[in-house]
Amino acid sequence: MVAILITIYSEIWARVLKTPATTILMPTVIPLIPGGSLYYAMDAALRHDAPEFILKAQKAIGLAVALVAGIMIVTSLRRPIEALVHIVAKKKY
């Protein structure tokens, strides 16, 4: 949900500032990257603790996939929503 909200925020401000949405999206997404889980997964791998490595790696990958999925949902729906808004605005006038 947070990734979806941040991507919507980035898309809106990209239109206001007339800049690519990526320039706004990347700084806001960085704190959400699962650094802690990734760190502990690598630590477990270096200690040869396979069960803990698998657990932490799954958590890190799950968080990363959820983050990417939220961004992809909003990004892929942006153009159809813009077209719909344009059609509605055109019919108003």
N, C-alpha and C. Protein backbone atom coordinates (compact mmCIF):
# COMPACT_ATOMS: atom_id res chain seq x y z
N MET A 1 0.83 -1.21 0.00
CA MET A 1 0.00 0.00 0.00
C MET A 1 0.86 1.26 0.00
N VAL A 2 1.95 1.22 0.76
CA VAL A 2 2.81 2.41 0.83
C VAL A 2 3.44 2.69 -0.53
N ALA A 3 3.84 1.64 -1.24
CA ALA A 3 4.44 1.83 -2.57
C ALA A 3 3.42 2.44 -3.53
N ILE A 4 2.18 2.02 -3.43
CA ILE A 4 1.14 2.58 -4.29
C ILE A 4 0.93 4.06 -3.98
N LEU A 5 0.84 4.40 -2.70
CA LEU A 5 0.64 5.79 -2.32
C LEU A 5 1.82 6.68 -2.71
N ILE A 6 3.02 6.18 -2.51
CA ILE A 6 4.21 6.97 -2.88
C ILE A 6 4.29 7.17 -4.39
N THR A 7 3.92 6.15 -5.15
CA THR A 7 3.96 6.28 -6.60
C THR A 7 2.90 7.26 -7.09
N ILE A 8 1.71 7.23 -6.50
CA ILE A 8 0.68 8.22 -6.85
C ILE A 8 1.18 9.62 -6.53
N TYR A 9 1.76 9.79 -5.36
CA TYR A 9 2.34 11.07 -4.95
C TYR A 9 3.39 11.53 -5.98
N SER A 10 4.25 10.62 -6.39
CA SER A 10 5.31 10.96 -7.35
C SER A 10 4.73 11.34 -8.71
N GLU A 11 3.71 10.63 -9.14
CA GLU A 11 3.10 10.93 -10.44
C GLU A 11 2.43 12.31 -10.42
N ILE A 12 1.76 12.63 -9.34
CA ILE A 12 1.10 13.93 -9.23
C ILE A 12 2.14 15.05 -9.23
N TRP A 13 3.17 14.93 -8.39
CA TRP A 13 4.18 15.98 -8.32
C TRP A 13 5.01 16.07 -9.60
N ALA A 14 5.13 14.96 -10.32
CA ALA A 14 5.85 15.00 -11.60
C ALA A 14 5.09 15.87 -12.60
N ARG A 15 3.77 15.82 -12.55
CA ARG A 15 2.97 16.66 -13.46
C ARG A 15 3.07 18.13 -13.03
N VAL A 16 3.03 18.37 -11.73
CA VAL A 16 3.10 19.74 -11.23
C VAL A 16 4.46 20.36 -11.55
N LEU A 17 5.53 19.62 -11.31
CA LEU A 17 6.88 20.14 -11.51
C LEU A 17 7.41 19.95 -12.93
N LYS A 18 6.62 19.28 -13.78
CA LYS A 18 7.01 19.00 -15.16
C LYS A 18 8.38 18.31 -15.22
N THR A 19 8.49 17.21 -14.51
CA THR A 19 9.71 16.42 -14.43
C THR A 19 9.33 14.94 -14.49
N PRO A 20 10.24 14.07 -14.83
CA PRO A 20 9.91 12.63 -14.80
C PRO A 20 9.57 12.17 -13.39
N ALA A 21 8.62 11.27 -13.30
CA ALA A 21 8.19 10.78 -11.99
C ALA A 21 9.31 10.05 -11.25
N THR A 22 10.25 9.48 -12.00
CA THR A 22 11.35 8.75 -11.39
C THR A 22 12.19 9.64 -10.49
N THR A 23 12.35 10.90 -10.86
CA THR A 23 13.18 11.80 -10.05
C THR A 23 12.56 12.06 -8.69
N ILE A 24 11.27 11.92 -8.58
CA ILE A 24 10.59 12.10 -7.31
C ILE A 24 10.41 10.75 -6.61
N LEU A 25 10.18 9.71 -7.39
CA LEU A 25 9.91 8.39 -6.83
C LEU A 25 11.13 7.78 -6.14
N MET A 26 12.28 7.85 -6.75
CA MET A 26 13.47 7.17 -6.20
C MET A 26 13.86 7.65 -4.80
N PRO A 27 13.93 8.94 -4.54
CA PRO A 27 14.29 9.35 -3.17
C PRO A 27 13.24 8.94 -2.13
N THR A 28 11.99 8.83 -2.53
CA THR A 28 10.96 8.46 -1.56
C THR A 28 10.90 6.95 -1.33
N VAL A 29 11.40 6.17 -2.28
CA VAL A 29 11.37 4.71 -2.16
C VAL A 29 12.58 4.18 -1.38
N ILE A 30 13.68 4.89 -1.41
CA ILE A 30 14.91 4.39 -0.79
C ILE A 30 14.72 3.96 0.67
N PRO A 31 14.02 4.70 1.51
CA PRO A 31 13.85 4.23 2.89
C PRO A 31 13.04 2.93 3.01
N LEU A 32 12.30 2.57 1.97
CA LEU A 32 11.49 1.36 2.02
C LEU A 32 12.24 0.11 1.58
N ILE A 33 13.42 0.26 1.00
CA ILE A 33 14.19 -0.89 0.54
C ILE A 33 14.56 -1.74 1.75
N PRO A 34 14.36 -3.04 1.65
CA PRO A 34 14.56 -3.92 2.83
C PRO A 34 16.04 -4.15 3.15
N GLY A 35 16.72 -3.11 3.58
CA GLY A 35 18.15 -3.21 3.87
C GLY A 35 18.46 -4.08 5.06
N GLY A 36 17.65 -3.98 6.11
CA GLY A 36 17.89 -4.78 7.32
C GLY A 36 17.78 -6.27 7.04
N SER A 37 16.74 -6.66 6.36
CA SER A 37 16.55 -8.08 6.04
C SER A 37 17.67 -8.59 5.14
N LEU A 38 18.06 -7.77 4.18
CA LEU A 38 19.14 -8.15 3.28
C LEU A 38 20.46 -8.28 4.03
N TYR A 39 20.72 -7.36 4.94
CA TYR A 39 21.94 -7.42 5.74
C TYR A 39 21.99 -8.69 6.57
N TYR A 40 20.89 -8.99 7.25
CA TYR A 40 20.88 -10.18 8.09
C TYR A 40 20.93 -11.47 7.26
N ALA A 41 20.38 -11.45 6.06
CA ALA A 41 20.48 -12.61 5.18
C ALA A 41 21.94 -12.85 4.77
N MET A 42 22.64 -11.78 4.40
CA MET A 42 24.04 -11.92 4.03
C MET A 42 24.90 -12.33 5.23
N ASP A 43 24.57 -11.81 6.39
CA ASP A 43 25.29 -12.19 7.61
C ASP A 43 25.13 -13.68 7.88
N ALA A 44 23.90 -14.18 7.74
CA ALA A 44 23.65 -15.61 7.95
C ALA A 44 24.37 -16.45 6.89
N ALA A 45 24.41 -15.95 5.66
CA ALA A 45 25.12 -16.69 4.60
C ALA A 45 26.61 -16.78 4.91
N LEU A 46 27.18 -15.70 5.39
CA LEU A 46 28.61 -15.71 5.71
C LEU A 46 28.91 -16.60 6.92
N ARG A 47 27.94 -16.76 7.81
CA ARG A 47 28.12 -17.63 8.98
C ARG A 47 27.74 -19.08 8.66
N HIS A 48 27.34 -19.35 7.41
CA HIS A 48 26.92 -20.68 6.95
C HIS A 48 25.71 -21.18 7.72
N ASP A 49 24.80 -20.26 8.06
CA ASP A 49 23.55 -20.61 8.75
C ASP A 49 22.44 -20.62 7.71
N ALA A 50 22.31 -21.75 7.01
CA ALA A 50 21.37 -21.85 5.89
C ALA A 50 19.92 -21.60 6.28
N PRO A 51 19.40 -22.16 7.37
CA PRO A 51 17.99 -21.90 7.70
C PRO A 51 17.69 -20.42 7.94
N GLU A 52 18.57 -19.75 8.66
CA GLU A 52 18.34 -18.32 8.90
C GLU A 52 18.50 -17.52 7.62
N PHE A 53 19.48 -17.90 6.79
CA PHE A 53 19.67 -17.22 5.50
C PHE A 53 18.41 -17.31 4.66
N ILE A 54 17.84 -18.49 4.56
CA ILE A 54 16.64 -18.68 3.75
C ILE A 54 15.49 -17.84 4.29
N LEU A 55 15.33 -17.82 5.59
CA LEU A 55 14.25 -17.05 6.21
C LEU A 55 14.41 -15.56 5.93
N LYS A 56 15.61 -15.04 6.17
CA LYS A 56 15.85 -13.60 5.98
C LYS A 56 15.82 -13.22 4.49
N ALA A 57 16.34 -14.08 3.64
CA ALA A 57 16.34 -13.80 2.20
C ALA A 57 14.91 -13.78 1.66
N GLN A 58 14.08 -14.70 2.12
CA GLN A 58 12.67 -14.71 1.70
C GLN A 58 11.97 -13.43 2.12
N LYS A 59 12.27 -12.97 3.32
CA LYS A 59 11.66 -11.73 3.80
C LYS A 59 12.11 -10.54 2.94
N ALA A 60 13.41 -10.46 2.66
CA ALA A 60 13.93 -9.36 1.85
C ALA A 60 13.35 -9.38 0.44
N ILE A 61 13.30 -10.55 -0.16
CA ILE A 61 12.76 -10.67 -1.52
C ILE A 61 11.26 -10.36 -1.52
N GLY A 62 10.54 -10.83 -0.51
CA GLY A 62 9.10 -10.55 -0.42
C GLY A 62 8.82 -9.06 -0.32
N LEU A 63 9.60 -8.36 0.51
CA LEU A 63 9.42 -6.91 0.64
C LEU A 63 9.75 -6.18 -0.66
N ALA A 64 10.82 -6.61 -1.32
CA ALA A 64 11.21 -5.98 -2.58
C ALA A 64 10.16 -6.21 -3.66
N VAL A 65 9.63 -7.42 -3.74
CA VAL A 65 8.60 -7.73 -4.74
C VAL A 65 7.33 -6.93 -4.47
N ALA A 66 6.95 -6.80 -3.21
CA ALA A 66 5.76 -6.01 -2.86
C ALA A 66 5.95 -4.54 -3.25
N LEU A 67 7.14 -4.03 -3.02
CA LEU A 67 7.45 -2.65 -3.37
C LEU A 67 7.36 -2.45 -4.88
N VAL A 68 7.95 -3.35 -5.62
CA VAL A 68 7.92 -3.26 -7.09
C VAL A 68 6.51 -3.43 -7.62
N ALA A 69 5.73 -4.33 -7.04
CA ALA A 69 4.36 -4.54 -7.49
C ALA A 69 3.52 -3.29 -7.31
N GLY A 70 3.67 -2.62 -6.19
CA GLY A 70 2.93 -1.38 -5.96
C GLY A 70 3.29 -0.30 -6.97
N ILE A 71 4.57 -0.18 -7.27
CA ILE A 71 5.02 0.81 -8.25
C ILE A 71 4.48 0.45 -9.64
N MET A 72 4.54 -0.84 -10.00
CA MET A 72 4.07 -1.26 -11.32
C MET A 72 2.57 -1.05 -11.49
N ILE A 73 1.81 -1.28 -10.45
CA ILE A 73 0.35 -1.11 -10.55
C ILE A 73 0.00 0.32 -10.91
N VAL A 74 0.56 1.26 -10.19
CA VAL A 74 0.24 2.67 -10.43
C VAL A 74 0.80 3.12 -11.78
N THR A 75 2.01 2.72 -12.10
CA THR A 75 2.64 3.14 -13.34
C THR A 75 1.87 2.61 -14.55
N SER A 76 1.40 1.38 -14.47
CA SER A 76 0.67 0.81 -15.60
C SER A 76 -0.74 1.38 -15.74
N LEU A 77 -1.32 1.86 -14.66
CA LEU A 77 -2.67 2.42 -14.73
C LEU A 77 -2.68 3.92 -15.00
N ARG A 78 -1.52 4.55 -15.02
CA ARG A 78 -1.45 6.00 -15.18
C ARG A 78 -2.06 6.47 -16.51
N ARG A 79 -1.67 5.87 -17.62
CA ARG A 79 -2.17 6.33 -18.92
C ARG A 79 -3.67 6.13 -19.10
N PRO A 80 -4.23 4.96 -18.76
CA PRO A 80 -5.69 4.83 -18.88
C PRO A 80 -6.45 5.83 -18.02
N ILE A 81 -5.95 6.12 -16.83
CA ILE A 81 -6.61 7.08 -15.96
C ILE A 81 -6.51 8.48 -16.54
N GLU A 82 -5.34 8.84 -17.08
CA GLU A 82 -5.19 10.15 -17.72
C GLU A 82 -6.14 10.29 -18.91
N ALA A 83 -6.29 9.23 -19.71
CA ALA A 83 -7.20 9.26 -20.85
C ALA A 83 -8.64 9.44 -20.39
N LEU A 84 -9.01 8.75 -19.32
CA LEU A 84 -10.36 8.87 -18.78
C LEU A 84 -10.61 10.28 -18.26
N VAL A 85 -9.65 10.85 -17.56
CA VAL A 85 -9.79 12.21 -17.05
C VAL A 85 -9.91 13.20 -18.21
N HIS A 86 -9.14 12.96 -19.26
CA HIS A 86 -9.18 13.84 -20.43
C HIS A 86 -10.55 13.78 -21.10
N ILE A 87 -11.12 12.58 -21.22
CA ILE A 87 -12.44 12.42 -21.84
C ILE A 87 -13.51 13.10 -20.99
N VAL A 88 -13.45 12.92 -19.67
CA VAL A 88 -14.43 13.54 -18.79
C VAL A 88 -14.32 15.06 -18.83
N ALA A 89 -13.11 15.57 -18.82
CA ALA A 89 -12.89 17.01 -18.87
C ALA A 89 -13.36 17.59 -20.19
N LYS A 90 -13.18 16.85 -21.27
CA LYS A 90 -13.60 17.31 -22.60
C LYS A 90 -15.12 17.40 -22.69
N LYS A 91 -15.84 16.45 -22.09
CA LYS A 91 -17.29 16.42 -22.13
C LYS A 91 -17.89 17.53 -21.27
N LYS A 92 -17.17 17.97 -20.26
CA LYS A 92 -17.66 19.03 -19.37
C LYS A 92 -17.80 20.34 -20.12
N TYR A 93 -16.87 20.62 -21.00
CA TYR A 93 -16.86 21.93 -21.68
C TYR A 93 -17.47 21.84 -23.00
